[in-house]
Amino acid sequence: SRIRISGGGWRSRQLKVVDSAGLRPTPDKVR
């Protein structure tokens, strides 16, 4: 899956996210 950077120079750039047990990307709202 993917998650996006929410601010700064790389705003809206997508990052690859592996499907791994226990991996919880920090939600956009929290960041």
PDB file of all heavy atoms in Angstrom:
ATOM      1  N   SER A   1       0.849  -1.196   0.000  1.00  0.00           N
ATOM      2  CA  SER A   1       0.000   0.000   0.000  1.00  0.00           C
ATOM      3  C   SER A   1       0.887   1.250   0.000  1.00  0.00           C
ATOM      4  O   SER A   1       2.100   1.167  -0.082  1.00  0.00           O
ATOM      5  CB  SER A   1      -0.930  -0.029   1.213  1.00  0.00           C
ATOM      6  OG  SER A   1      -0.191   0.004   2.407  1.00  0.00           O
ATOM      7  N   ARG A   2       0.246   2.397   0.118  1.00  0.00           N
ATOM      8  CA  ARG A   2       0.972   3.667   0.076  1.00  0.00           C
ATOM      9  C   ARG A   2       0.421   4.620   1.134  1.00  0.00           C
ATOM     10  O   ARG A   2      -0.730   4.515   1.545  1.00  0.00           O
ATOM     11  CB  ARG A   2       0.853   4.303  -1.301  1.00  0.00           C
ATOM     12  CG  ARG A   2       1.520   3.470  -2.378  1.00  0.00           C
ATOM     13  CD  ARG A   2       1.588   4.237  -3.681  1.00  0.00           C
ATOM     14  NE  ARG A   2       2.306   3.476  -4.675  1.00  0.00           N
ATOM     15  CZ  ARG A   2       3.619   3.552  -4.894  1.00  0.00           C
ATOM     16  NH1 ARG A   2       4.352   4.361  -4.175  1.00  0.00           N
ATOM     17  NH2 ARG A   2       4.205   2.836  -5.816  1.00  0.00           N
ATOM     18  N   ILE A   3       1.270   5.552   1.537  1.00  0.00           N
ATOM     19  CA  ILE A   3       0.884   6.630   2.443  1.00  0.00           C
ATOM     20  C   ILE A   3       1.520   7.901   1.887  1.00  0.00           C
ATOM     21  O   ILE A   3       2.591   7.843   1.280  1.00  0.00           O
ATOM     22  CB  ILE A   3       1.339   6.326   3.894  1.00  0.00           C
ATOM     23  CG1 ILE A   3       0.737   7.310   4.870  1.00  0.00           C
ATOM     24  CG2 ILE A   3       2.853   6.278   4.008  1.00  0.00           C
ATOM     25  CD1 ILE A   3       0.914   6.913   6.330  1.00  0.00           C
ATOM     26  N   ARG A   4       0.848   9.028   2.089  1.00  0.00           N
ATOM     27  CA  ARG A   4       1.380  10.258   1.507  1.00  0.00           C
ATOM     28  C   ARG A   4       1.991  11.159   2.573  1.00  0.00           C
ATOM     29  O   ARG A   4       1.568  11.166   3.732  1.00  0.00           O
ATOM     30  CB  ARG A   4       0.292  11.006   0.744  1.00  0.00           C
ATOM     31  CG  ARG A   4      -0.717  11.691   1.602  1.00  0.00           C
ATOM     32  CD  ARG A   4      -1.707  12.515   0.783  1.00  0.00           C
ATOM     33  NE  ARG A   4      -2.576  13.227   1.685  1.00  0.00           N
ATOM     34  CZ  ARG A   4      -2.325  14.436   2.177  1.00  0.00           C
ATOM     35  NH1 ARG A   4      -1.236  15.065   1.858  1.00  0.00           N
ATOM     36  NH2 ARG A   4      -3.171  15.006   3.004  1.00  0.00           N
ATOM     37  N   ILE A   5       3.003  11.919   2.162  1.00  0.00           N
ATOM     38  CA  ILE A   5       3.601  12.936   3.018  1.00  0.00           C
ATOM     39  C   ILE A   5       2.637  14.125   3.024  1.00  0.00           C
ATOM     40  O   ILE A   5       2.154  14.549   1.973  1.00  0.00           O
ATOM     41  CB  ILE A   5       5.000  13.323   2.504  1.00  0.00           C
ATOM     42  CG1 ILE A   5       5.923  12.112   2.629  1.00  0.00           C
ATOM     43  CG2 ILE A   5       5.551  14.522   3.274  1.00  0.00           C
ATOM     44  CD1 ILE A   5       7.309  12.323   2.062  1.00  0.00           C
ATOM     45  N   SER A   6       2.344  14.656   4.212  1.00  0.00           N
ATOM     46  CA  SER A   6       1.276  15.648   4.325  1.00  0.00           C
ATOM     47  C   SER A   6       1.732  17.100   4.253  1.00  0.00           C
ATOM     48  O   SER A   6       0.893  17.989   4.151  1.00  0.00           O
ATOM     49  CB  SER A   6       0.486  15.430   5.618  1.00  0.00           C
ATOM     50  OG  SER A   6       1.311  15.645   6.742  1.00  0.00           O
ATOM     51  N   GLY A   7       3.031  17.365   4.325  1.00  0.00           N
ATOM     52  CA  GLY A   7       3.450  18.764   4.290  1.00  0.00           C
ATOM     53  C   GLY A   7       4.887  18.940   3.840  1.00  0.00           C
ATOM     54  O   GLY A   7       5.633  17.984   3.669  1.00  0.00           O
ATOM     55  N   GLY A   8       5.274  20.191   3.622  1.00  0.00           N
ATOM     56  CA  GLY A   8       6.643  20.515   3.245  1.00  0.00           C
ATOM     57  C   GLY A   8       6.907  20.331   1.762  1.00  0.00           C
ATOM     58  O   GLY A   8       5.987  20.226   0.948  1.00  0.00           O
ATOM     59  N   GLY A   9       8.185  20.274   1.422  1.00  0.00           N
ATOM     60  CA  GLY A   9       8.612  20.185   0.038  1.00  0.00           C
ATOM     61  C   GLY A   9       8.176  18.928  -0.683  1.00  0.00           C
ATOM     62  O   GLY A   9       8.040  18.926  -1.908  1.00  0.00           O
ATOM     63  N   TRP A  10       7.979  17.850   0.051  1.00  0.00           N
ATOM     64  CA  TRP A  10       7.542  16.586  -0.559  1.00  0.00           C
ATOM     65  C   TRP A  10       6.050  16.351  -0.360  1.00  0.00           C
ATOM     66  O   TRP A  10       5.571  15.220  -0.509  1.00  0.00           O
ATOM     67  CB  TRP A  10       8.325  15.405   0.007  1.00  0.00           C
ATOM     68  CG  TRP A  10       9.790  15.421  -0.305  1.00  0.00           C
ATOM     69  CD1 TRP A  10      10.386  15.903  -1.431  1.00  0.00           C
ATOM     70  CD2 TRP A  10      10.829  14.915   0.519  1.00  0.00           C
ATOM     71  NE1 TRP A  10      11.740  15.717  -1.355  1.00  0.00           N
ATOM     72  CE2 TRP A  10      12.038  15.121  -0.173  1.00  0.00           C
ATOM     73  CE3 TRP A  10      10.869  14.305   1.770  1.00  0.00           C
ATOM     74  CZ2 TRP A  10      13.278  14.738   0.347  1.00  0.00           C
ATOM     75  CZ3 TRP A  10      12.097  13.932   2.296  1.00  0.00           C
ATOM     76  CH2 TRP A  10      13.284  14.149   1.588  1.00  0.00           C
ATOM     77  N   ARG A  11       5.321  17.377  -0.023  1.00  0.00           N
ATOM     78  CA  ARG A  11       3.880  17.240   0.217  1.00  0.00           C
ATOM     79  C   ARG A  11       3.214  16.494  -0.934  1.00  0.00           C
ATOM     80  O   ARG A  11       3.488  16.745  -2.105  1.00  0.00           O
ATOM     81  CB  ARG A  11       3.245  18.617   0.347  1.00  0.00           C
ATOM     82  CG  ARG A  11       1.784  18.529   0.666  1.00  0.00           C
ATOM     83  CD  ARG A  11       1.158  19.881   0.746  1.00  0.00           C
ATOM     84  NE  ARG A  11      -0.256  19.671   0.988  1.00  0.00           N
ATOM     85  CZ  ARG A  11      -1.014  20.492   1.643  1.00  0.00           C
ATOM     86  NH1 ARG A  11      -0.531  21.601   2.114  1.00  0.00           N
ATOM     87  NH2 ARG A  11      -2.277  20.216   1.827  1.00  0.00           N
ATOM     88  N   SER A  12       2.354  15.555  -0.581  1.00  0.00           N
ATOM     89  CA  SER A  12       1.567  14.713  -1.495  1.00  0.00           C
ATOM     90  C   SER A  12       2.373  13.618  -2.173  1.00  0.00           C
ATOM     91  O   SER A  12       1.802  12.834  -2.932  1.00  0.00           O
ATOM     92  CB  SER A  12       0.835  15.552  -2.554  1.00  0.00           C
ATOM     93  OG  SER A  12      -0.063  16.433  -1.911  1.00  0.00           O
ATOM     94  N   ARG A  13       3.680  13.522  -1.917  1.00  0.00           N
ATOM     95  CA  ARG A  13       4.457  12.420  -2.477  1.00  0.00           C
ATOM     96  C   ARG A  13       4.047  11.137  -1.769  1.00  0.00           C
ATOM     97  O   ARG A  13       3.799  11.112  -0.558  1.00  0.00           O
ATOM     98  CB  ARG A  13       5.972  12.651  -2.290  1.00  0.00           C
ATOM     99  CG  ARG A  13       6.531  13.812  -3.086  1.00  0.00           C
ATOM    100  CD  ARG A  13       6.730  13.519  -4.556  1.00  0.00           C
ATOM    101  NE  ARG A  13       7.606  12.423  -4.866  1.00  0.00           N
ATOM    102  CZ  ARG A  13       8.910  12.519  -5.083  1.00  0.00           C
ATOM    103  NH1 ARG A  13       9.511  13.700  -5.039  1.00  0.00           N
ATOM    104  NH2 ARG A  13       9.617  11.441  -5.347  1.00  0.00           N
ATOM    105  N   GLN A  14       3.966  10.057  -2.505  1.00  0.00           N
ATOM    106  CA  GLN A  14       3.518   8.766  -1.992  1.00  0.00           C
ATOM    107  C   GLN A  14       4.715   7.912  -1.556  1.00  0.00           C
ATOM    108  O   GLN A  14       5.730   7.868  -2.256  1.00  0.00           O
ATOM    109  CB  GLN A  14       2.739   8.021  -3.069  1.00  0.00           C
ATOM    110  CG  GLN A  14       1.494   8.726  -3.540  1.00  0.00           C
ATOM    111  CD  GLN A  14       0.349   8.612  -2.556  1.00  0.00           C
ATOM    112  OE1 GLN A  14       0.111   7.569  -1.966  1.00  0.00           O
ATOM    113  NE2 GLN A  14      -0.366   9.706  -2.364  1.00  0.00           N
ATOM    114  N   LEU A  15       4.571   7.226  -0.427  1.00  0.00           N
ATOM    115  CA  LEU A  15       5.584   6.301   0.073  1.00  0.00           C
ATOM    116  C   LEU A  15       5.029   4.885   0.028  1.00  0.00           C
ATOM    117  O   LEU A  15       3.866   4.660   0.364  1.00  0.00           O
ATOM    118  CB  LEU A  15       5.949   6.632   1.526  1.00  0.00           C
ATOM    119  CG  LEU A  15       6.460   8.035   1.815  1.00  0.00           C
ATOM    120  CD1 LEU A  15       6.651   8.217   3.313  1.00  0.00           C
ATOM    121  CD2 LEU A  15       7.745   8.296   1.063  1.00  0.00           C
ATOM    122  N   LYS A  16       5.877   3.937  -0.351  1.00  0.00           N
ATOM    123  CA  LYS A  16       5.480   2.527  -0.316  1.00  0.00           C
ATOM    124  C   LYS A  16       5.439   2.058   1.130  1.00  0.00           C
ATOM    125  O   LYS A  16       6.305   2.398   1.928  1.00  0.00           O
ATOM    126  CB  LYS A  16       6.481   1.668  -1.089  1.00  0.00           C
ATOM    127  CG  LYS A  16       6.523   1.927  -2.564  1.00  0.00           C
ATOM    128  CD  LYS A  16       7.567   1.046  -3.219  1.00  0.00           C
ATOM    129  CE  LYS A  16       7.660   1.356  -4.708  1.00  0.00           C
ATOM    130  NZ  LYS A  16       8.699   0.540  -5.355  1.00  0.00           N
ATOM    131  N   VAL A  17       4.421   1.254   1.439  1.00  0.00           N
ATOM    132  CA  VAL A  17       4.266   0.690   2.774  1.00  0.00           C
ATOM    133  C   VAL A  17       4.120  -0.816   2.629  1.00  0.00           C
ATOM    134  O   VAL A  17       3.203  -1.287   1.949  1.00  0.00           O
ATOM    135  CB  VAL A  17       3.023   1.262   3.492  1.00  0.00           C
ATOM    136  CG1 VAL A  17       2.840   0.616   4.855  1.00  0.00           C
ATOM    137  CG2 VAL A  17       3.117   2.772   3.613  1.00  0.00           C
ATOM    138  N   VAL A  18       5.017  -1.563   3.267  1.00  0.00           N
ATOM    139  CA  VAL A  18       4.939  -3.020   3.201  1.00  0.00           C
ATOM    140  C   VAL A  18       3.854  -3.516   4.143  1.00  0.00           C
ATOM    141  O   VAL A  18       3.530  -2.877   5.140  1.00  0.00           O
ATOM    142  CB  VAL A  18       6.289  -3.689   3.547  1.00  0.00           C
ATOM    143  CG1 VAL A  18       7.355  -3.320   2.544  1.00  0.00           C
ATOM    144  CG2 VAL A  18       6.725  -3.366   4.954  1.00  0.00           C
ATOM    145  N   ASP A  19       3.304  -4.660   3.819  1.00  0.00           N
ATOM    146  CA  ASP A  19       2.324  -5.310   4.680  1.00  0.00           C
ATOM    147  C   ASP A  19       3.102  -6.171   5.667  1.00  0.00           C
ATOM    148  O   ASP A  19       3.575  -7.245   5.320  1.00  0.00           O
ATOM    149  CB  ASP A  19       1.370  -6.163   3.839  1.00  0.00           C
ATOM    150  CG  ASP A  19       0.269  -6.782   4.676  1.00  0.00           C
ATOM    151  OD1 ASP A  19       0.000  -6.264   5.777  1.00  0.00           O
ATOM    152  OD2 ASP A  19      -0.313  -7.775   4.220  1.00  0.00           O
ATOM    153  N   SER A  20       3.272  -5.659   6.881  1.00  0.00           N
ATOM    154  CA  SER A  20       4.074  -6.338   7.884  1.00  0.00           C
ATOM    155  C   SER A  20       3.345  -6.294   9.219  1.00  0.00           C
ATOM    156  O   SER A  20       2.771  -5.257   9.587  1.00  0.00           O
ATOM    157  CB  SER A  20       5.441  -5.650   7.999  1.00  0.00           C
ATOM    158  OG  SER A  20       6.256  -6.279   8.936  1.00  0.00           O
ATOM    159  N   ALA A  21       3.383  -7.390   9.946  1.00  0.00           N
ATOM    160  CA  ALA A  21       2.702  -7.470  11.239  1.00  0.00           C
ATOM    161  C   ALA A  21       3.213  -6.371  12.168  1.00  0.00           C
ATOM    162  O   ALA A  21       4.413  -6.165  12.308  1.00  0.00           O
ATOM    163  CB  ALA A  21       2.938  -8.834  11.869  1.00  0.00           C
ATOM    164  N   GLY A  22       2.287  -5.651  12.780  1.00  0.00           N
ATOM    165  CA  GLY A  22       2.636  -4.624  13.752  1.00  0.00           C
ATOM    166  C   GLY A  22       2.993  -3.275  13.152  1.00  0.00           C
ATOM    167  O   GLY A  22       3.192  -2.314  13.889  1.00  0.00           O
ATOM    168  N   LEU A  23       3.078  -3.179  11.832  1.00  0.00           N
ATOM    169  CA  LEU A  23       3.416  -1.907  11.195  1.00  0.00           C
ATOM    170  C   LEU A  23       2.156  -1.057  11.092  1.00  0.00           C
ATOM    171  O   LEU A  23       1.185  -1.432  10.455  1.00  0.00           O
ATOM    172  CB  LEU A  23       4.013  -2.162   9.810  1.00  0.00           C
ATOM    173  CG  LEU A  23       4.660  -0.959   9.127  1.00  0.00           C
ATOM    174  CD1 LEU A  23       5.886  -0.500   9.913  1.00  0.00           C
ATOM    175  CD2 LEU A  23       5.071  -1.333   7.721  1.00  0.00           C
ATOM    176  N   ARG A  24       2.168   0.101  11.770  1.00  0.00           N
ATOM    177  CA  ARG A  24       1.025   1.003  11.803  1.00  0.00           C
ATOM    178  C   ARG A  24       1.477   2.388  11.375  1.00  0.00           C
ATOM    179  O   ARG A  24       1.986   3.157  12.195  1.00  0.00           O
ATOM    180  CB  ARG A  24       0.467   1.144  13.228  1.00  0.00           C
ATOM    181  CG  ARG A  24       0.126  -0.079  13.973  1.00  0.00           C
ATOM    182  CD  ARG A  24      -0.161   0.240  15.453  1.00  0.00           C
ATOM    183  NE  ARG A  24       0.675   1.280  16.031  1.00  0.00           N
ATOM    184  CZ  ARG A  24       1.894   1.111  16.522  1.00  0.00           C
ATOM    185  NH1 ARG A  24       2.462  -0.064  16.483  1.00  0.00           N
ATOM    186  NH2 ARG A  24       2.560   2.114  17.048  1.00  0.00           N
ATOM    187  N   PRO A  25       1.304   2.751  10.128  1.00  0.00           N
ATOM    188  CA  PRO A  25       1.693   4.104   9.721  1.00  0.00           C
ATOM    189  C   PRO A  25       0.904   5.144  10.522  1.00  0.00           C
ATOM    190  O   PRO A  25      -0.297   5.005  10.719  1.00  0.00           O
ATOM    191  CB  PRO A  25       1.321   4.165   8.241  1.00  0.00           C
ATOM    192  CG  PRO A  25       1.236   2.738   7.800  1.00  0.00           C
ATOM    193  CD  PRO A  25       0.786   1.961   9.007  1.00  0.00           C
ATOM    194  N   THR A  26       1.596   6.166  10.987  1.00  0.00           N
ATOM    195  CA  THR A  26       0.942   7.223  11.736  1.00  0.00           C
ATOM    196  C   THR A  26      -0.076   7.924  10.832  1.00  0.00           C
ATOM    197  O   THR A  26       0.274   8.374   9.750  1.00  0.00           O
ATOM    198  CB  THR A  26       1.988   8.238  12.249  1.00  0.00           C
ATOM    199  OG1 THR A  26       2.907   7.537  13.090  1.00  0.00           O
ATOM    200  CG2 THR A  26       1.334   9.359  13.035  1.00  0.00           C
ATOM    201  N   PRO A  27      -1.338   8.011  11.280  1.00  0.00           N
ATOM    202  CA  PRO A  27      -2.381   8.617  10.444  1.00  0.00           C
ATOM    203  C   PRO A  27      -2.076  10.067  10.061  1.00  0.00           C
ATOM    204  O   PRO A  27      -1.432  10.801  10.812  1.00  0.00           O
ATOM    205  CB  PRO A  27      -3.629   8.539  11.328  1.00  0.00           C
ATOM    206  CG  PRO A  27      -3.346   7.466  12.325  1.00  0.00           C
ATOM    207  CD  PRO A  27      -1.862   7.507  12.555  1.00  0.00           C
ATOM    208  N   ASP A  28      -2.550  10.459   8.909  1.00  0.00           N
ATOM    209  CA  ASP A  28      -2.380  11.802   8.366  1.00  0.00           C
ATOM    210  C   ASP A  28      -2.786  12.870   9.381  1.00  0.00           C
ATOM    211  O   ASP A  28      -2.058  13.833   9.619  1.00  0.00           O
ATOM    212  CB  ASP A  28      -3.252  11.899   7.105  1.00  0.00           C
ATOM    213  CG  ASP A  28      -2.730  12.886   6.088  1.00  0.00           C
ATOM    214  OD1 ASP A  28      -1.507  13.095   6.022  1.00  0.00           O
ATOM    215  OD2 ASP A  28      -3.553  13.437   5.340  1.00  0.00           O
ATOM    216  N   LYS A  29      -3.945  12.707   9.980  1.00  0.00           N
ATOM    217  CA  LYS A  29      -4.466  13.676  10.948  1.00  0.00           C
ATOM    218  C   LYS A  29      -3.510  13.841  12.135  1.00  0.00           C
ATOM    219  O   LYS A  29      -3.281  14.949  12.611  1.00  0.00           O
ATOM    220  CB  LYS A  29      -5.841  13.219  11.443  1.00  0.00           C
ATOM    221  CG  LYS A  29      -6.430  14.077  12.526  1.00  0.00           C
ATOM    222  CD  LYS A  29      -7.726  13.496  13.054  1.00  0.00           C
ATOM    223  CE  LYS A  29      -8.184  14.267  14.270  1.00  0.00           C
ATOM    224  NZ  LYS A  29      -9.279  13.643  14.958  1.00  0.00           N
ATOM    225  N   VAL A  30      -2.942  12.743  12.589  1.00  0.00           N
ATOM    226  CA  VAL A  30      -2.019  12.789  13.729  1.00  0.00           C
ATOM    227  C   VAL A  30      -0.736  13.521  13.328  1.00  0.00           C
ATOM    228  O   VAL A  30      -0.218  14.355  14.075  1.00  0.00           O
ATOM    229  CB  VAL A  30      -1.723  11.368  14.248  1.00  0.00           C
ATOM    230  CG1 VAL A  30      -0.650  11.387  15.321  1.00  0.00           C
ATOM    231  CG2 VAL A  30      -3.002  10.723  14.778  1.00  0.00           C
ATOM    232  N   ARG A  31      -0.218  13.238  12.141  1.00  0.00           N
ATOM    233  CA  ARG A  31       1.000  13.914  11.677  1.00  0.00           C
ATOM    234  C   ARG A  31       0.764  15.410  11.524  1.00  0.00           C
ATOM    235  O   ARG A  31       1.624  16.227  11.876  1.00  0.00           O
ATOM    236  CB  ARG A  31       1.479  13.301  10.365  1.00  0.00           C
ATOM    237  CG  ARG A  31       2.121  11.944  10.586  1.00  0.00           C
ATOM    238  CD  ARG A  31       2.648  11.331   9.310  1.00  0.00           C
ATOM    239  NE  ARG A  31       1.553  10.660   8.614  1.00  0.00           N
ATOM    240  CZ  ARG A  31       1.188  10.885   7.362  1.00  0.00           C
ATOM    241  NH1 ARG A  31       1.840  11.740   6.615  1.00  0.00           N
ATOM    242  NH2 ARG A  31       0.189  10.229   6.826  1.00  0.00           N
TER     243      ARG A  31
END
